[in-house]
Amino acid sequence: MAKKDNKEEAKEINWVKEIVGMLIYIAFVFLAVWFIITFVGQRTEVSGESMCDTLYDEDNLWVSKISYRLHDPERFDIVVFPAENNTTYYIKRIIALPGEKIRIDEEGKIYINDEVLEENYGKEVIEEDLVGRAYENVTLGDDEYFVMGDNRNRSLDSREEEVGNIKREDLKGKAVLRIWPLNRFGTIK
């Protein structure tokens, strides 16, 4: 009879070990996912046409959160930052860097520190009524960035007071990879 009790006791201990092991495994998976989403990267969906012809409505992107922990944001990076309501995100391109002066003239030309910006993005002429606050010089602070969408005439961006200059601390990350749709899968240049 003692042998039978030992076998039942051993089965019960093995069962408890299995449950504890599974709970530790699940906790590890949740911790790993939390770490990745908090510090490494996140998936973000493009909403709207402000970044056409680079990004399209409903494109899904992988945003690197670690990039700007390793180096400073650079001109022409595509960045993600929260809207004022903190429930949605903007996806725009950095045009001007901290300490720079930016102006957009009546022809839609962008000037950085009084020199015309040479770029391959936003090729359409900016409509005069969409120049916004950048019609006069906007000087950026030490931690501020001026961002614009590539589809300049359909973009709510730093030209408007409600978006304004973006502080470094508000940059959630750099868009590095389009993960959906699969026919456009690849790195974002």
N, C-alpha and C. Protein backbone atom coordinates (compact mmCIF):
# COMPACT_ATOMS: atom_id res chain seq x y z
N MET A 1 0.81 -1.19 0.00
CA MET A 1 0.00 0.00 0.00
C MET A 1 0.86 1.25 0.00
N ALA A 2 2.01 1.21 0.65
CA ALA A 2 2.90 2.37 0.69
C ALA A 2 3.45 2.65 -0.69
N LYS A 3 3.69 1.59 -1.48
CA LYS A 3 4.20 1.80 -2.84
C LYS A 3 3.17 2.52 -3.69
N LYS A 4 1.91 2.19 -3.52
CA LYS A 4 0.86 2.82 -4.28
C LYS A 4 0.77 4.31 -3.95
N ASP A 5 0.86 4.65 -2.66
CA ASP A 5 0.82 6.05 -2.24
C ASP A 5 2.00 6.83 -2.81
N ASN A 6 3.17 6.22 -2.84
CA ASN A 6 4.36 6.90 -3.39
C ASN A 6 4.17 7.19 -4.88
N LYS A 7 3.57 6.23 -5.60
CA LYS A 7 3.34 6.45 -7.04
C LYS A 7 2.35 7.58 -7.26
N GLU A 8 1.27 7.59 -6.48
CA GLU A 8 0.27 8.66 -6.61
C GLU A 8 0.89 10.01 -6.24
N GLU A 9 1.70 10.01 -5.19
CA GLU A 9 2.37 11.24 -4.76
C GLU A 9 3.34 11.73 -5.84
N ALA A 10 4.05 10.84 -6.48
CA ALA A 10 5.00 11.20 -7.55
C ALA A 10 4.25 11.76 -8.75
N LYS A 11 3.09 11.14 -9.11
CA LYS A 11 2.29 11.66 -10.22
C LYS A 11 1.80 13.07 -9.91
N GLU A 12 1.36 13.29 -8.67
CA GLU A 12 0.86 14.60 -8.27
C GLU A 12 1.97 15.64 -8.33
N ILE A 13 3.16 15.31 -7.89
CA ILE A 13 4.31 16.23 -7.94
C ILE A 13 4.67 16.55 -9.38
N ASN A 14 4.70 15.55 -10.27
CA ASN A 14 4.99 15.77 -11.69
C ASN A 14 3.96 16.70 -12.32
N TRP A 15 2.70 16.52 -11.97
CA TRP A 15 1.63 17.35 -12.50
C TRP A 15 1.81 18.80 -12.06
N VAL A 16 2.14 19.01 -10.81
CA VAL A 16 2.39 20.35 -10.28
C VAL A 16 3.60 20.98 -10.98
N LYS A 17 4.66 20.19 -11.18
CA LYS A 17 5.85 20.69 -11.87
C LYS A 17 5.51 21.11 -13.30
N GLU A 18 4.67 20.35 -13.96
CA GLU A 18 4.26 20.68 -15.33
C GLU A 18 3.52 22.02 -15.36
N ILE A 19 2.60 22.21 -14.44
CA ILE A 19 1.83 23.46 -14.39
C ILE A 19 2.75 24.64 -14.09
N VAL A 20 3.60 24.48 -13.10
CA VAL A 20 4.54 25.56 -12.75
C VAL A 20 5.45 25.86 -13.94
N GLY A 21 5.96 24.83 -14.59
CA GLY A 21 6.81 25.02 -15.75
C GLY A 21 6.10 25.76 -16.87
N MET A 22 4.84 25.39 -17.11
CA MET A 22 4.07 26.05 -18.16
C MET A 22 3.80 27.52 -17.80
N LEU A 23 3.48 27.80 -16.53
CA LEU A 23 3.25 29.19 -16.11
C LEU A 23 4.51 30.03 -16.25
N ILE A 24 5.66 29.47 -15.93
CA ILE A 24 6.93 30.19 -16.09
C ILE A 24 7.19 30.47 -17.57
N TYR A 25 6.92 29.49 -18.41
CA TYR A 25 7.09 29.66 -19.86
C TYR A 25 6.18 30.76 -20.40
N ILE A 26 4.91 30.75 -20.01
CA ILE A 26 3.96 31.78 -20.45
C ILE A 26 4.41 33.16 -19.96
N ALA A 27 4.84 33.25 -18.71
CA ALA A 27 5.32 34.53 -18.17
C ALA A 27 6.53 35.03 -18.96
N PHE A 28 7.44 34.12 -19.32
CA PHE A 28 8.61 34.49 -20.11
C PHE A 28 8.20 35.02 -21.49
N VAL A 29 7.24 34.36 -22.13
CA VAL A 29 6.77 34.80 -23.45
C VAL A 29 6.16 36.19 -23.34
N PHE A 30 5.30 36.42 -22.36
CA PHE A 30 4.69 37.75 -22.17
C PHE A 30 5.76 38.80 -21.89
N LEU A 31 6.73 38.49 -21.08
CA LEU A 31 7.81 39.42 -20.78
C LEU A 31 8.63 39.75 -22.03
N ALA A 32 8.93 38.74 -22.84
CA ALA A 32 9.68 38.95 -24.08
C ALA A 32 8.90 39.83 -25.05
N VAL A 33 7.61 39.56 -25.20
CA VAL A 33 6.76 40.37 -26.09
C VAL A 33 6.69 41.81 -25.57
N TRP A 34 6.47 41.99 -24.28
CA TRP A 34 6.43 43.34 -23.70
C TRP A 34 7.74 44.07 -23.95
N PHE A 35 8.87 43.40 -23.75
CA PHE A 35 10.18 44.02 -23.96
C PHE A 35 10.34 44.46 -25.42
N ILE A 36 9.98 43.60 -26.34
CA ILE A 36 10.12 43.93 -27.77
C ILE A 36 9.23 45.11 -28.14
N ILE A 37 7.97 45.08 -27.73
CA ILE A 37 7.04 46.16 -28.08
C ILE A 37 7.43 47.46 -27.40
N THR A 38 7.96 47.41 -26.20
CA THR A 38 8.31 48.62 -25.46
C THR A 38 9.64 49.21 -25.91
N PHE A 39 10.64 48.38 -26.19
CA PHE A 39 11.98 48.91 -26.42
C PHE A 39 12.55 48.66 -27.82
N VAL A 40 12.07 47.68 -28.53
CA VAL A 40 12.69 47.30 -29.80
C VAL A 40 11.91 47.81 -31.00
N GLY A 41 10.63 47.51 -31.09
CA GLY A 41 9.85 47.94 -32.24
C GLY A 41 8.38 47.65 -32.08
N GLN A 42 7.62 48.16 -33.05
CA GLN A 42 6.19 47.94 -33.04
C GLN A 42 5.66 47.95 -34.47
N ARG A 43 4.50 47.35 -34.65
CA ARG A 43 3.81 47.40 -35.93
C ARG A 43 2.92 48.62 -35.94
N THR A 44 2.93 49.36 -37.04
CA THR A 44 2.09 50.55 -37.18
C THR A 44 1.44 50.51 -38.55
N GLU A 45 0.18 50.90 -38.62
CA GLU A 45 -0.54 50.91 -39.89
C GLU A 45 -0.66 52.34 -40.40
N VAL A 46 -0.40 52.52 -41.69
CA VAL A 46 -0.54 53.82 -42.34
C VAL A 46 -2.03 54.08 -42.54
N SER A 47 -2.46 55.28 -42.17
CA SER A 47 -3.85 55.66 -42.35
C SER A 47 -3.88 56.96 -43.15
N GLY A 48 -4.36 56.89 -44.37
CA GLY A 48 -4.45 58.09 -45.19
C GLY A 48 -3.41 58.12 -46.30
N GLU A 49 -3.40 59.23 -47.02
CA GLU A 49 -2.56 59.36 -48.21
C GLU A 49 -1.42 60.35 -48.06
N SER A 50 -1.11 60.79 -46.86
CA SER A 50 -0.12 61.85 -46.68
C SER A 50 1.30 61.44 -47.04
N MET A 51 1.58 60.14 -47.11
CA MET A 51 2.93 59.69 -47.44
C MET A 51 3.03 59.04 -48.83
N CYS A 52 1.97 59.14 -49.64
CA CYS A 52 2.02 58.61 -51.00
C CYS A 52 3.07 59.40 -51.78
N ASP A 53 3.84 58.90 -52.55
CA ASP A 53 3.97 57.62 -53.19
C ASP A 53 4.99 56.72 -52.51
N THR A 54 5.38 57.04 -51.29
CA THR A 54 6.30 56.19 -50.55
C THR A 54 5.55 55.12 -49.78
N LEU A 55 4.54 55.53 -49.04
CA LEU A 55 3.71 54.63 -48.25
C LEU A 55 2.25 54.86 -48.62
N TYR A 56 1.45 53.80 -48.56
CA TYR A 56 0.05 53.89 -48.95
C TYR A 56 -0.86 53.54 -47.78
N ASP A 57 -2.10 54.00 -47.90
CA ASP A 57 -3.12 53.72 -46.90
C ASP A 57 -3.18 52.21 -46.64
N GLU A 58 -3.20 51.83 -45.38
CA GLU A 58 -3.28 50.46 -44.89
C GLU A 58 -1.99 49.65 -45.02
N ASP A 59 -0.88 50.29 -45.45
CA ASP A 59 0.42 49.61 -45.36
C ASP A 59 0.70 49.35 -43.89
N ASN A 60 1.29 48.21 -43.58
CA ASN A 60 1.71 47.90 -42.22
C ASN A 60 3.23 47.99 -42.16
N LEU A 61 3.74 48.72 -41.18
CA LEU A 61 5.16 48.98 -41.07
C LEU A 61 5.72 48.41 -39.78
N TRP A 62 7.01 48.04 -39.82
CA TRP A 62 7.74 47.74 -38.60
C TRP A 62 8.52 48.99 -38.26
N VAL A 63 8.29 49.51 -37.07
CA VAL A 63 8.93 50.74 -36.60
C VAL A 63 9.98 50.37 -35.56
N SER A 64 11.21 50.76 -35.84
CA SER A 64 12.31 50.49 -34.92
C SER A 64 12.33 51.54 -33.82
N LYS A 65 12.12 51.10 -32.59
CA LYS A 65 12.18 52.01 -31.45
C LYS A 65 13.61 52.14 -30.93
N ILE A 66 14.44 51.21 -31.29
CA ILE A 66 15.81 51.20 -30.78
C ILE A 66 16.75 52.10 -31.60
N SER A 67 16.37 52.40 -32.84
CA SER A 67 17.23 53.20 -33.73
C SER A 67 17.70 54.49 -33.08
N TYR A 68 16.75 55.23 -32.49
CA TYR A 68 17.11 56.54 -31.94
C TYR A 68 17.69 56.47 -30.54
N ARG A 69 17.82 55.28 -30.02
CA ARG A 69 18.60 55.09 -28.79
C ARG A 69 20.08 54.96 -29.16
N LEU A 70 20.33 54.55 -30.41
CA LEU A 70 21.70 54.31 -30.88
C LEU A 70 22.29 55.50 -31.64
N HIS A 71 21.44 56.28 -32.30
CA HIS A 71 21.93 57.45 -33.06
C HIS A 71 20.81 58.49 -33.19
N ASP A 72 21.20 59.69 -33.58
CA ASP A 72 20.23 60.78 -33.74
C ASP A 72 19.41 60.59 -35.00
N PRO A 73 18.16 61.09 -34.98
CA PRO A 73 17.36 61.08 -36.20
C PRO A 73 18.05 61.91 -37.29
N GLU A 74 17.86 61.50 -38.54
CA GLU A 74 18.50 62.17 -39.66
C GLU A 74 17.46 62.73 -40.62
N ARG A 75 17.88 63.73 -41.40
CA ARG A 75 17.01 64.30 -42.40
C ARG A 75 16.54 63.20 -43.35
N PHE A 76 15.27 63.21 -43.69
CA PHE A 76 14.58 62.29 -44.58
C PHE A 76 14.20 60.96 -43.93
N ASP A 77 14.53 60.72 -42.66
CA ASP A 77 14.02 59.54 -41.96
C ASP A 77 12.49 59.63 -41.93
N ILE A 78 11.83 58.50 -42.05
CA ILE A 78 10.38 58.45 -41.86
C ILE A 78 10.15 58.06 -40.41
N VAL A 79 9.45 58.93 -39.69
CA VAL A 79 9.30 58.76 -38.25
C VAL A 79 7.83 58.61 -37.86
N VAL A 80 7.62 58.05 -36.69
CA VAL A 80 6.29 57.86 -36.12
C VAL A 80 6.25 58.61 -34.80
N PHE A 81 5.17 59.39 -34.62
CA PHE A 81 4.99 60.13 -33.37
C PHE A 81 3.49 60.25 -33.10
N PRO A 82 3.12 60.40 -31.83
CA PRO A 82 1.69 60.42 -31.49
C PRO A 82 1.03 61.75 -31.86
N ALA A 83 -0.24 61.66 -32.22
CA ALA A 83 -1.07 62.85 -32.41
C ALA A 83 -1.36 63.42 -31.02
N GLU A 84 -1.92 64.60 -30.97
CA GLU A 84 -2.20 65.24 -29.68
C GLU A 84 -3.04 64.36 -28.76
N ASN A 85 -3.93 63.57 -29.33
CA ASN A 85 -4.81 62.74 -28.51
C ASN A 85 -4.13 61.48 -27.99
N ASN A 86 -2.88 61.21 -28.45
CA ASN A 86 -2.08 60.06 -28.03
C ASN A 86 -2.73 58.71 -28.33
N THR A 87 -3.78 58.69 -29.12
CA THR A 87 -4.41 57.41 -29.47
C THR A 87 -4.08 56.99 -30.90
N THR A 88 -3.67 57.95 -31.71
CA THR A 88 -3.27 57.65 -33.09
C THR A 88 -1.86 58.18 -33.31
N TYR A 89 -1.25 57.73 -34.40
CA TYR A 89 0.11 58.14 -34.70
C TYR A 89 0.18 58.79 -36.07
N TYR A 90 1.07 59.76 -36.18
CA TYR A 90 1.42 60.35 -37.47
C TYR A 90 2.64 59.63 -38.00
N ILE A 91 2.72 59.52 -39.32
CA ILE A 91 3.89 58.97 -39.98
C ILE A 91 4.33 60.02 -40.99
N LYS A 92 5.49 60.61 -40.79
CA LYS A 92 5.97 61.71 -41.63
C LYS A 92 7.48 61.58 -41.85
N ARG A 93 7.99 62.45 -42.71
CA ARG A 93 9.42 62.47 -43.03
C ARG A 93 10.07 63.69 -42.38
N ILE A 94 11.24 63.49 -41.77
CA ILE A 94 11.98 64.62 -41.19
C ILE A 94 12.55 65.47 -42.32
N ILE A 95 12.24 66.76 -42.26
CA ILE A 95 12.72 67.70 -43.27
C ILE A 95 13.80 68.62 -42.69
N ALA A 96 13.59 69.11 -41.49
CA ALA A 96 14.57 70.01 -40.86
C ALA A 96 14.94 69.48 -39.49
N LEU A 97 16.20 69.72 -39.12
CA LEU A 97 16.80 69.19 -37.90
C LEU A 97 16.93 70.26 -36.82
N PRO A 98 17.22 69.86 -35.58
CA PRO A 98 17.35 70.82 -34.48
C PRO A 98 18.29 71.97 -34.82
N GLY A 99 17.84 73.18 -34.45
CA GLY A 99 18.65 74.38 -34.65
C GLY A 99 18.56 74.97 -36.04
N GLU A 100 17.94 74.28 -36.98
CA GLU A 100 17.86 74.80 -38.34
C GLU A 100 16.68 75.76 -38.49
N LYS A 101 16.76 76.55 -39.55
CA LYS A 101 15.71 77.50 -39.89
C LYS A 101 15.08 77.00 -41.18
N ILE A 102 13.76 76.87 -41.21
CA ILE A 102 13.06 76.39 -42.40
C ILE A 102 12.04 77.42 -42.86
N ARG A 103 11.91 77.52 -44.19
CA ARG A 103 10.94 78.42 -44.80
C ARG A 103 10.48 77.79 -46.11
N ILE A 104 9.22 78.00 -46.43
CA ILE A 104 8.66 77.54 -47.70
C ILE A 104 8.14 78.77 -48.42
N ASP A 105 8.61 78.98 -49.66
CA ASP A 105 8.20 80.19 -50.39
C ASP A 105 6.88 79.97 -51.13
N GLU A 106 6.42 81.03 -51.78
CA GLU A 106 5.13 80.99 -52.48
C GLU A 106 5.10 79.99 -53.64
N GLU A 107 6.26 79.56 -54.11
CA GLU A 107 6.33 78.56 -55.18
C GLU A 107 6.41 77.14 -54.60
N GLY A 108 6.46 77.03 -53.29
CA GLY A 108 6.52 75.72 -52.64
C GLY A 108 7.92 75.19 -52.44
N LYS A 109 8.93 75.99 -52.73
CA LYS A 109 10.31 75.55 -52.50
C LYS A 109 10.61 75.61 -51.01
N ILE A 110 11.33 74.59 -50.56
CA ILE A 110 11.69 74.51 -49.14
C ILE A 110 13.13 75.00 -48.98
N TYR A 111 13.33 75.89 -48.03
CA TYR A 111 14.66 76.42 -47.73
C TYR A 111 15.05 76.01 -46.32
N ILE A 112 16.24 75.46 -46.20
CA ILE A 112 16.82 75.14 -44.89
C ILE A 112 18.02 76.07 -44.73
N ASN A 113 18.00 76.89 -43.69
CA ASN A 113 19.06 77.89 -43.46
C ASN A 113 19.33 78.68 -44.74
N ASP A 114 18.25 79.11 -45.40
CA ASP A 114 18.28 79.96 -46.60
C ASP A 114 18.84 79.27 -47.84
N GLU A 115 19.00 77.95 -47.83
CA GLU A 115 19.43 77.22 -49.02
C GLU A 115 18.32 76.26 -49.44
N VAL A 116 18.08 76.16 -50.76
CA VAL A 116 17.02 75.28 -51.27
C VAL A 116 17.35 73.84 -50.90
N LEU A 117 16.35 73.14 -50.38
CA LEU A 117 16.50 71.74 -50.00
C LEU A 117 16.43 70.88 -51.26
N GLU A 118 17.45 70.10 -51.49
CA GLU A 118 17.46 69.14 -52.61
C GLU A 118 16.90 67.83 -52.07
N GLU A 119 15.79 67.38 -52.67
CA GLU A 119 15.16 66.16 -52.19
C GLU A 119 14.48 65.43 -53.34
N ASN A 120 14.19 64.16 -53.11
CA ASN A 120 13.49 63.34 -54.09
C ASN A 120 12.07 63.02 -53.63
N TYR A 121 11.63 63.62 -52.56
CA TYR A 121 10.32 63.33 -51.99
C TYR A 121 9.43 64.54 -52.19
N GLY A 122 8.15 64.37 -52.13
CA GLY A 122 7.23 65.49 -52.20
C GLY A 122 7.43 66.31 -53.46
N LYS A 123 7.39 65.66 -54.60
CA LYS A 123 7.74 66.31 -55.86
C LYS A 123 6.71 67.32 -56.34
N GLU A 124 5.47 67.26 -55.85
CA GLU A 124 4.48 68.21 -56.34
C GLU A 124 4.75 69.59 -55.76
N VAL A 125 4.31 70.60 -56.46
CA VAL A 125 4.45 71.97 -55.98
C VAL A 125 3.45 72.16 -54.86
N ILE A 126 3.91 72.68 -53.74
CA ILE A 126 3.02 72.89 -52.60
C ILE A 126 2.09 74.06 -52.91
N GLU A 127 0.80 73.81 -52.80
CA GLU A 127 -0.18 74.86 -53.05
C GLU A 127 0.04 75.99 -52.06
N GLU A 128 -0.07 77.22 -52.55
CA GLU A 128 0.27 78.40 -51.75
C GLU A 128 -0.47 78.45 -50.42
N ASP A 129 -1.74 78.07 -50.42
CA ASP A 129 -2.50 78.14 -49.17
C ASP A 129 -2.15 77.01 -48.20
N LEU A 130 -1.26 76.09 -48.60
CA LEU A 130 -0.86 74.98 -47.73
C LEU A 130 0.55 75.15 -47.17
N VAL A 131 1.16 76.30 -47.39
CA VAL A 131 2.50 76.56 -46.86
C VAL A 131 2.45 76.68 -45.34
N GLY A 132 1.34 77.17 -44.84
CA GLY A 132 1.12 77.26 -43.40
C GLY A 132 2.11 78.17 -42.68
N ARG A 133 2.46 77.80 -41.48
CA ARG A 133 3.31 78.64 -40.64
C ARG A 133 4.74 78.72 -41.14
N ALA A 134 5.11 77.89 -42.11
CA ALA A 134 6.48 77.90 -42.65
C ALA A 134 6.65 78.95 -43.74
N TYR A 135 5.61 79.76 -44.01
CA TYR A 135 5.75 80.84 -44.99
C TYR A 135 6.78 81.84 -44.50
N GLU A 136 6.82 82.01 -43.19
CA GLU A 136 7.87 82.82 -42.57
C GLU A 136 8.82 81.83 -41.90
N ASN A 137 10.03 82.27 -41.65
CA ASN A 137 11.04 81.38 -41.06
C ASN A 137 10.54 80.75 -39.77
N VAL A 138 10.76 79.45 -39.66
CA VAL A 138 10.51 78.72 -38.42
C VAL A 138 11.87 78.22 -37.96
N THR A 139 12.30 78.66 -36.78
CA THR A 139 13.58 78.22 -36.24
C THR A 139 13.31 77.13 -35.21
N LEU A 140 13.98 76.00 -35.39
CA LEU A 140 13.76 74.85 -34.52
C LEU A 140 14.63 74.93 -33.26
N GLY A 141 14.09 74.44 -32.17
CA GLY A 141 14.84 74.38 -30.92
C GLY A 141 15.87 73.26 -30.96
N ASP A 142 16.60 73.12 -29.86
CA ASP A 142 17.69 72.13 -29.78
C ASP A 142 17.21 70.69 -29.87
N ASP A 143 15.95 70.44 -29.58
CA ASP A 143 15.45 69.07 -29.63
C ASP A 143 14.20 68.96 -30.51
N GLU A 144 14.08 69.84 -31.51
CA GLU A 144 12.88 69.88 -32.35
C GLU A 144 13.18 69.50 -33.80
N TYR A 145 12.17 68.89 -34.43
CA TYR A 145 12.25 68.47 -35.82
C TYR A 145 11.04 69.00 -36.58
N PHE A 146 11.23 69.34 -37.84
CA PHE A 146 10.14 69.77 -38.72
C PHE A 146 9.86 68.62 -39.66
N VAL A 147 8.63 68.12 -39.66
CA VAL A 147 8.28 66.95 -40.46
C VAL A 147 7.20 67.30 -41.47
N MET A 148 7.23 66.59 -42.60
CA MET A 148 6.20 66.76 -43.63
C MET A 148 5.89 65.41 -44.25
N GLY A 149 4.68 65.29 -44.78
CA GLY A 149 4.32 64.11 -45.55
C GLY A 149 4.88 64.23 -46.96
N ASP A 150 5.07 63.11 -47.63
CA ASP A 150 5.57 63.14 -49.01
C ASP A 150 4.51 63.65 -49.97
N ASN A 151 3.26 63.45 -49.67
CA ASN A 151 2.15 63.96 -50.47
C ASN A 151 1.78 65.32 -49.87
N ARG A 152 2.61 66.30 -50.13
CA ARG A 152 2.59 67.59 -49.43
C ARG A 152 1.24 68.29 -49.43
N ASN A 153 0.47 68.17 -50.49
CA ASN A 153 -0.81 68.87 -50.56
C ASN A 153 -1.94 68.11 -49.87
N ARG A 154 -1.65 66.94 -49.33
CA ARG A 154 -2.64 66.13 -48.62
C ARG A 154 -2.13 65.70 -47.25
N SER A 155 -1.26 66.51 -46.66
CA SER A 155 -0.61 66.11 -45.41
C SER A 155 -0.83 67.13 -44.30
N LEU A 156 -1.24 66.65 -43.15
CA LEU A 156 -1.29 67.46 -41.94
C LEU A 156 0.05 67.23 -41.24
N ASP A 157 0.89 68.27 -41.19
CA ASP A 157 2.25 68.09 -40.68
C ASP A 157 2.73 69.34 -39.95
N SER A 158 4.03 69.52 -39.82
CA SER A 158 4.60 70.62 -39.04
C SER A 158 4.25 72.00 -39.57
N ARG A 159 3.73 72.08 -40.77
CA ARG A 159 3.31 73.38 -41.30
C ARG A 159 2.10 73.92 -40.55
N GLU A 160 1.37 73.03 -39.90
CA GLU A 160 0.15 73.42 -39.19
C GLU A 160 0.42 73.51 -37.69
N GLU A 161 -0.19 74.49 -37.05
CA GLU A 161 -0.01 74.70 -35.60
C GLU A 161 -0.39 73.47 -34.78
N GLU A 162 -1.43 72.74 -35.21
CA GLU A 162 -1.88 71.60 -34.40
C GLU A 162 -0.86 70.46 -34.36
N VAL A 163 0.07 70.43 -35.31
CA VAL A 163 1.16 69.45 -35.28
C VAL A 163 2.43 70.15 -34.80
N GLY A 164 2.82 71.21 -35.50
CA GLY A 164 3.98 72.01 -35.10
C GLY A 164 5.29 71.24 -35.13
N ASN A 165 6.27 71.78 -34.44
CA ASN A 165 7.58 71.13 -34.35
C ASN A 165 7.46 69.91 -33.45
N ILE A 166 8.20 68.87 -33.79
CA ILE A 166 8.14 67.62 -33.03
C ILE A 166 9.38 67.50 -32.15
N LYS A 167 9.16 67.28 -30.88
CA LYS A 167 10.27 67.12 -29.94
C LYS A 167 10.86 65.71 -30.07
N ARG A 168 12.14 65.61 -29.83
CA ARG A 168 12.83 64.32 -29.93
C ARG A 168 12.17 63.25 -29.06
N GLU A 169 11.78 63.62 -27.86
CA GLU A 169 11.18 62.66 -26.94
C GLU A 169 9.85 62.09 -27.47
N ASP A 170 9.21 62.80 -28.41
CA ASP A 170 7.94 62.33 -28.97
C ASP A 170 8.12 61.38 -30.15
N LEU A 171 9.33 61.29 -30.68
CA LEU A 171 9.58 60.37 -31.79
C LEU A 171 9.56 58.95 -31.24
N LYS A 172 8.58 58.17 -31.66
CA LYS A 172 8.45 56.80 -31.16
C LYS A 172 9.37 55.84 -31.88
N GLY A 173 9.79 56.21 -33.09
CA GLY A 173 10.70 55.34 -33.81
C GLY A 173 10.80 55.69 -35.27
N LYS A 174 11.61 54.91 -35.96
CA LYS A 174 11.88 55.08 -37.38
C LYS A 174 11.24 53.93 -38.15
N ALA A 175 10.46 54.27 -39.18
CA ALA A 175 9.86 53.23 -40.02
C ALA A 175 10.96 52.60 -40.86
N VAL A 176 11.16 51.30 -40.73
CA VAL A 176 12.26 50.64 -41.42
C VAL A 176 11.82 49.55 -42.39
N LEU A 177 10.63 48.99 -42.21
CA LEU A 177 10.24 47.84 -43.01
C LEU A 177 8.73 47.86 -43.25
N ARG A 178 8.34 47.63 -44.50
CA ARG A 178 6.92 47.45 -44.83
C ARG A 178 6.67 45.94 -44.75
N ILE A 179 5.75 45.53 -43.88
CA ILE A 179 5.49 44.10 -43.70
C ILE A 179 4.20 43.66 -44.36
N TRP A 180 3.36 44.60 -44.77
CA TRP A 180 2.11 44.28 -45.45
C TRP A 180 1.72 45.43 -46.32
N PRO A 181 1.23 45.25 -47.49
CA PRO A 181 0.94 43.99 -48.16
C PRO A 181 2.21 43.31 -48.64
N LEU A 182 2.13 42.01 -48.79
CA LEU A 182 3.31 41.22 -49.13
C LEU A 182 3.92 41.59 -50.48
N ASN A 183 3.10 42.05 -51.43
CA ASN A 183 3.66 42.40 -52.74
C ASN A 183 4.52 43.66 -52.69
N ARG A 184 4.48 44.41 -51.58
CA ARG A 184 5.36 45.57 -51.41
C ARG A 184 6.27 45.40 -50.19
N PHE A 185 6.40 44.18 -49.72
CA PHE A 185 7.26 43.88 -48.56
C PHE A 185 8.68 44.34 -48.83
N GLY A 186 9.30 44.98 -47.85
CA GLY A 186 10.70 45.36 -47.99
C GLY A 186 11.07 46.55 -47.15
N THR A 187 12.35 46.88 -47.17
CA THR A 187 12.84 48.01 -46.39
C THR A 187 12.32 49.31 -46.96
N ILE A 188 12.23 50.29 -46.11
CA ILE A 188 11.76 51.63 -46.52
C ILE A 188 12.99 52.51 -46.65
N LYS A 189 13.15 53.06 -47.80
CA LYS A 189 14.32 53.92 -48.05
C LYS A 189 13.98 55.36 -47.78
